[in-house]
Amino acid sequence: MNYNPERLKLVWYQLIQQQGVRYLLRTTLIYVATEGERYASIFWNKGGFQKVLLRRVL
């Protein structure tokens, strides 16, 4: 099956936008932990370390 990778990126971007997903580019996942019933993750990018409480885990 042949596909255009640039077109596929555009389709994924549109799907993400439609669902209201917030995403981080050029970011590295450092650690995932549980806080009670929820998951928390630590990310690193040019802005430094960030802690994010996750609503869903795929």
PDB file of N, CA and C in Angstrom:
ATOM      1  N   MET A   1       0.847  -1.167   0.000  1.00  0.00           N
ATOM      2  CA  MET A   1       0.000   0.000   0.000  1.00  0.00           C
ATOM      3  C   MET A   1       0.900   1.239   0.000  1.00  0.00           C
ATOM      4  N   ASN A   2       0.701   2.106  -0.932  1.00  0.00           N
ATOM      5  CA  ASN A   2       1.462   3.348  -1.024  1.00  0.00           C
ATOM      6  C   ASN A   2       0.678   4.481  -0.369  1.00  0.00           C
ATOM      7  N   TYR A   3       1.391   5.369   0.276  1.00  0.00           N
ATOM      8  CA  TYR A   3       0.775   6.552   0.851  1.00  0.00           C
ATOM      9  C   TYR A   3       1.789   7.683   0.870  1.00  0.00           C
ATOM     10  N   ASN A   4       1.270   8.884   0.959  1.00  0.00           N
ATOM     11  CA  ASN A   4       2.097  10.075   1.015  1.00  0.00           C
ATOM     12  C   ASN A   4       2.283  10.457   2.489  1.00  0.00           C
ATOM     13  N   PRO A   5       3.507  10.351   3.030  1.00  0.00           N
ATOM     14  CA  PRO A   5       3.702  10.646   4.450  1.00  0.00           C
ATOM     15  C   PRO A   5       3.322  12.077   4.839  1.00  0.00           C
ATOM     16  N   GLU A   6       3.510  13.027   3.967  1.00  0.00           N
ATOM     17  CA  GLU A   6       3.139  14.415   4.276  1.00  0.00           C
ATOM     18  C   GLU A   6       1.618  14.555   4.370  1.00  0.00           C
ATOM     19  N   ARG A   7       0.917  13.875   3.509  1.00  0.00           N
ATOM     20  CA  ARG A   7      -0.549  13.903   3.550  1.00  0.00           C
ATOM     21  C   ARG A   7      -1.052  13.220   4.828  1.00  0.00           C
ATOM     22  N   LEU A   8      -0.414  12.130   5.224  1.00  0.00           N
ATOM     23  CA  LEU A   8      -0.793  11.422   6.436  1.00  0.00           C
ATOM     24  C   LEU A   8      -0.594  12.309   7.669  1.00  0.00           C
ATOM     25  N   LYS A   9       0.511  13.075   7.717  1.00  0.00           N
ATOM     26  CA  LYS A   9       0.726  14.000   8.829  1.00  0.00           C
ATOM     27  C   LYS A   9      -0.388  15.034   8.905  1.00  0.00           C
ATOM     28  N   LEU A  10      -0.827  15.530   7.763  1.00  0.00           N
ATOM     29  CA  LEU A  10      -1.905  16.509   7.726  1.00  0.00           C
ATOM     30  C   LEU A  10      -3.214  15.901   8.240  1.00  0.00           C
ATOM     31  N   VAL A  11      -3.506  14.680   7.828  1.00  0.00           N
ATOM     32  CA  VAL A  11      -4.727  14.007   8.286  1.00  0.00           C
ATOM     33  C   VAL A  11      -4.677  13.789   9.792  1.00  0.00           C
ATOM     34  N   TRP A  12      -3.543  13.332  10.321  1.00  0.00           N
ATOM     35  CA  TRP A  12      -3.413  13.150  11.777  1.00  0.00           C
ATOM     36  C   TRP A  12      -3.588  14.480  12.501  1.00  0.00           C
ATOM     37  N   TYR A  13      -2.984  15.532  11.979  1.00  0.00           N
ATOM     38  CA  TYR A  13      -3.105  16.858  12.591  1.00  0.00           C
ATOM     39  C   TYR A  13      -4.568  17.292  12.647  1.00  0.00           C
ATOM     40  N   GLN A  14      -5.293  17.085  11.555  1.00  0.00           N
ATOM     41  CA  GLN A  14      -6.697  17.479  11.511  1.00  0.00           C
ATOM     42  C   GLN A  14      -7.531  16.671  12.507  1.00  0.00           C
ATOM     43  N   LEU A  15      -7.263  15.388  12.623  1.00  0.00           N
ATOM     44  CA  LEU A  15      -7.986  14.551  13.583  1.00  0.00           C
ATOM     45  C   LEU A  15      -7.719  15.001  15.015  1.00  0.00           C
ATOM     46  N   ILE A  16      -6.481  15.323  15.314  1.00  0.00           N
ATOM     47  CA  ILE A  16      -6.122  15.799  16.654  1.00  0.00           C
ATOM     48  C   ILE A  16      -6.835  17.112  16.956  1.00  0.00           C
ATOM     49  N   GLN A  17      -6.848  18.027  15.999  1.00  0.00           N
ATOM     50  CA  GLN A  17      -7.508  19.319  16.199  1.00  0.00           C
ATOM     51  C   GLN A  17      -9.009  19.154  16.417  1.00  0.00           C
ATOM     52  N   GLN A  18      -9.641  18.274  15.672  1.00  0.00           N
ATOM     53  CA  GLN A  18     -11.082  18.056  15.799  1.00  0.00           C
ATOM     54  C   GLN A  18     -11.459  17.527  17.173  1.00  0.00           C
ATOM     55  N   GLN A  19     -10.597  16.718  17.767  1.00  0.00           N
ATOM     56  CA  GLN A  19     -10.887  16.111  19.063  1.00  0.00           C
ATOM     57  C   GLN A  19     -10.458  16.977  20.245  1.00  0.00           C
ATOM     58  N   GLY A  20      -9.803  18.099  19.984  1.00  0.00           N
ATOM     59  CA  GLY A  20      -9.405  19.002  21.053  1.00  0.00           C
ATOM     60  C   GLY A  20      -8.208  18.512  21.864  1.00  0.00           C
ATOM     61  N   VAL A  21      -7.398  17.671  21.265  1.00  0.00           N
ATOM     62  CA  VAL A  21      -6.222  17.142  21.952  1.00  0.00           C
ATOM     63  C   VAL A  21      -5.147  18.220  22.014  1.00  0.00           C
ATOM     64  N   ARG A  22      -4.554  18.372  23.195  1.00  0.00           N
ATOM     65  CA  ARG A  22      -3.400  19.264  23.329  1.00  0.00           C
ATOM     66  C   ARG A  22      -2.159  18.396  23.230  1.00  0.00           C
ATOM     67  N   TYR A  23      -1.209  18.799  22.426  1.00  0.00           N
ATOM     68  CA  TYR A  23      -0.026  17.982  22.203  1.00  0.00           C
ATOM     69  C   TYR A  23       1.231  18.830  22.342  1.00  0.00           C
ATOM     70  N   LEU A  24       2.351  18.152  22.603  1.00  0.00           N
ATOM     71  CA  LEU A  24       3.636  18.811  22.798  1.00  0.00           C
ATOM     72  C   LEU A  24       4.606  18.311  21.732  1.00  0.00           C
ATOM     73  N   LEU A  25       5.188  19.227  20.976  1.00  0.00           N
ATOM     74  CA  LEU A  25       6.172  18.861  19.965  1.00  0.00           C
ATOM     75  C   LEU A  25       7.570  18.956  20.547  1.00  0.00           C
ATOM     76  N   ARG A  26       8.481  18.157  20.008  1.00  0.00           N
ATOM     77  CA  ARG A  26       9.887  18.163  20.440  1.00  0.00           C
ATOM     78  C   ARG A  26      10.002  18.061  21.956  1.00  0.00           C
ATOM     79  N   THR A  27       9.288  17.093  22.509  1.00  0.00           N
ATOM     80  CA  THR A  27       9.202  16.913  23.955  1.00  0.00           C
ATOM     81  C   THR A  27       9.533  15.466  24.295  1.00  0.00           C
ATOM     82  N   THR A  28      10.234  15.282  25.406  1.00  0.00           N
ATOM     83  CA  THR A  28      10.632  13.952  25.852  1.00  0.00           C
ATOM     84  C   THR A  28       9.886  13.598  27.135  1.00  0.00           C
ATOM     85  N   LEU A  29       9.286  12.413  27.155  1.00  0.00           N
ATOM     86  CA  LEU A  29       8.644  11.914  28.359  1.00  0.00           C
ATOM     87  C   LEU A  29       9.722  11.391  29.292  1.00  0.00           C
ATOM     88  N   ILE A  30       9.763  11.898  30.522  1.00  0.00           N
ATOM     89  CA  ILE A  30      10.785  11.521  31.486  1.00  0.00           C
ATOM     90  C   ILE A  30      10.271  10.465  32.453  1.00  0.00           C
ATOM     91  N   TYR A  31       9.053  10.653  32.981  1.00  0.00           N
ATOM     92  CA  TYR A  31       8.573   9.775  34.041  1.00  0.00           C
ATOM     93  C   TYR A  31       7.052   9.798  34.086  1.00  0.00           C
ATOM     94  N   VAL A  32       6.435   8.667  34.462  1.00  0.00           N
ATOM     95  CA  VAL A  32       4.988   8.586  34.663  1.00  0.00           C
ATOM     96  C   VAL A  32       4.752   8.005  36.051  1.00  0.00           C
ATOM     97  N   ALA A  33       3.846   8.612  36.813  1.00  0.00           N
ATOM     98  CA  ALA A  33       3.538   8.153  38.161  1.00  0.00           C
ATOM     99  C   ALA A  33       2.035   8.239  38.393  1.00  0.00           C
ATOM    100  N   THR A  34       1.564   7.570  39.413  1.00  0.00           N
ATOM    101  CA  THR A  34       0.159   7.682  39.791  1.00  0.00           C
ATOM    102  C   THR A  34       0.038   8.619  40.982  1.00  0.00           C
ATOM    103  N   GLU A  35      -1.009   9.405  40.966  1.00  0.00           N
ATOM    104  CA  GLU A  35      -1.345  10.280  42.085  1.00  0.00           C
ATOM    105  C   GLU A  35      -2.783   9.971  42.455  1.00  0.00           C
ATOM    106  N   GLY A  36      -2.944   9.058  43.374  1.00  0.00           N
ATOM    107  CA  GLY A  36      -4.289   8.602  43.714  1.00  0.00           C
ATOM    108  C   GLY A  36      -4.848   7.790  42.566  1.00  0.00           C
ATOM    109  N   GLU A  37      -5.957   8.242  42.022  1.00  0.00           N
ATOM    110  CA  GLU A  37      -6.616   7.551  40.913  1.00  0.00           C
ATOM    111  C   GLU A  37      -6.147   8.044  39.543  1.00  0.00           C
ATOM    112  N   ARG A  38      -5.294   9.067  39.505  1.00  0.00           N
ATOM    113  CA  ARG A  38      -4.894   9.676  38.234  1.00  0.00           C
ATOM    114  C   ARG A  38      -3.421   9.428  37.948  1.00  0.00           C
ATOM    115  N   TYR A  39      -3.085   9.593  36.683  1.00  0.00           N
ATOM    116  CA  TYR A  39      -1.696   9.505  36.254  1.00  0.00           C
ATOM    117  C   TYR A  39      -1.116  10.899  36.097  1.00  0.00           C
ATOM    118  N   ALA A  40       0.144  11.030  36.438  1.00  0.00           N
ATOM    119  CA  ALA A  40       0.880  12.280  36.226  1.00  0.00           C
ATOM    120  C   ALA A  40       2.116  11.944  35.415  1.00  0.00           C
ATOM    121  N   SER A  41       2.525  12.841  34.565  1.00  0.00           N
ATOM    122  CA  SER A  41       3.724  12.609  33.763  1.00  0.00           C
ATOM    123  C   SER A  41       4.632  13.823  33.831  1.00  0.00           C
ATOM    124  N   ILE A  42       5.919  13.555  33.710  1.00  0.00           N
ATOM    125  CA  ILE A  42       6.926  14.615  33.699  1.00  0.00           C
ATOM    126  C   ILE A  42       7.532  14.644  32.298  1.00  0.00           C
ATOM    127  N   PHE A  43       7.490  15.801  31.663  1.00  0.00           N
ATOM    128  CA  PHE A  43       8.036  16.002  30.329  1.00  0.00           C
ATOM    129  C   PHE A  43       9.173  16.996  30.392  1.00  0.00           C
ATOM    130  N   TRP A  44      10.043  16.936  29.398  1.00  0.00           N
ATOM    131  CA  TRP A  44      11.112  17.924  29.273  1.00  0.00           C
ATOM    132  C   TRP A  44      11.152  18.418  27.834  1.00  0.00           C
ATOM    133  N   ASN A  45      11.284  19.742  27.682  1.00  0.00           N
ATOM    134  CA  ASN A  45      11.508  20.351  26.369  1.00  0.00           C
ATOM    135  C   ASN A  45      12.311  21.629  26.574  1.00  0.00           C
ATOM    136  N   LYS A  46      12.396  22.480  25.572  1.00  0.00           N
ATOM    137  CA  LYS A  46      13.202  23.703  25.680  1.00  0.00           C
ATOM    138  C   LYS A  46      12.763  24.597  26.832  1.00  0.00           C
ATOM    139  N   GLY A  47      11.516  24.521  27.212  1.00  0.00           N
ATOM    140  CA  GLY A  47      10.999  25.339  28.304  1.00  0.00           C
ATOM    141  C   GLY A  47      11.328  24.787  29.683  1.00  0.00           C
ATOM    142  N   GLY A  48      11.921  23.603  29.738  1.00  0.00           N
ATOM    143  CA  GLY A  48      12.262  22.979  31.011  1.00  0.00           C
ATOM    144  C   GLY A  48      11.343  21.808  31.302  1.00  0.00           C
ATOM    145  N   PHE A  49      11.293  21.406  32.561  1.00  0.00           N
ATOM    146  CA  PHE A  49      10.465  20.287  32.979  1.00  0.00           C
ATOM    147  C   PHE A  49       9.039  20.755  33.206  1.00  0.00           C
ATOM    148  N   GLN A  50       8.083  19.878  32.860  1.00  0.00           N
ATOM    149  CA  GLN A  50       6.675  20.184  33.056  1.00  0.00           C
ATOM    150  C   GLN A  50       5.989  18.953  33.621  1.00  0.00           C
ATOM    151  N   LYS A  51       5.107  19.173  34.574  1.00  0.00           N
ATOM    152  CA  LYS A  51       4.285  18.095  35.124  1.00  0.00           C
ATOM    153  C   LYS A  51       2.888  18.232  34.546  1.00  0.00           C
ATOM    154  N   VAL A  52       2.345  17.142  34.046  1.00  0.00           N
ATOM    155  CA  VAL A  52       1.027  17.153  33.422  1.00  0.00           C
ATOM    156  C   VAL A  52       0.186  16.059  34.058  1.00  0.00           C
ATOM    157  N   LEU A  53      -1.011  16.419  34.538  1.00  0.00           N
ATOM    158  CA  LEU A  53      -1.960  15.411  35.008  1.00  0.00           C
ATOM    159  C   LEU A  53      -2.743  14.925  33.804  1.00  0.00           C
ATOM    160  N   LEU A  54      -2.749  13.631  33.607  1.00  0.00           N
ATOM    161  CA  LEU A  54      -3.352  13.053  32.401  1.00  0.00           C
ATOM    162  C   LEU A  54      -4.812  12.738  32.604  1.00  0.00           C
ATOM    163  N   ARG A  55      -5.620  13.032  31.609  1.00  0.00           N
ATOM    164  CA  ARG A  55      -7.038  12.679  31.636  1.00  0.00           C
ATOM    165  C   ARG A  55      -7.234  11.262  31.120  1.00  0.00           C
ATOM    166  N   ARG A  56      -6.459  10.913  30.098  1.00  0.00           N
ATOM    167  CA  ARG A  56      -6.567   9.579  29.494  1.00  0.00           C
ATOM    168  C   ARG A  56      -5.180   9.062  29.167  1.00  0.00           C
ATOM    169  N   VAL A  57      -5.034   7.760  29.217  1.00  0.00           N
ATOM    170  CA  VAL A  57      -3.778   7.122  28.836  1.00  0.00           C
ATOM    171  C   VAL A  57      -4.103   6.126  27.739  1.00  0.00           C
ATOM    172  N   LEU A  58      -3.389   6.234  26.629  1.00  0.00           N
ATOM    173  CA  LEU A  58      -3.611   5.311  25.512  1.00  0.00           C
ATOM    174  C   LEU A  58      -2.571   4.209  25.537  1.00  0.00           C
TER     175      LEU A  58
END
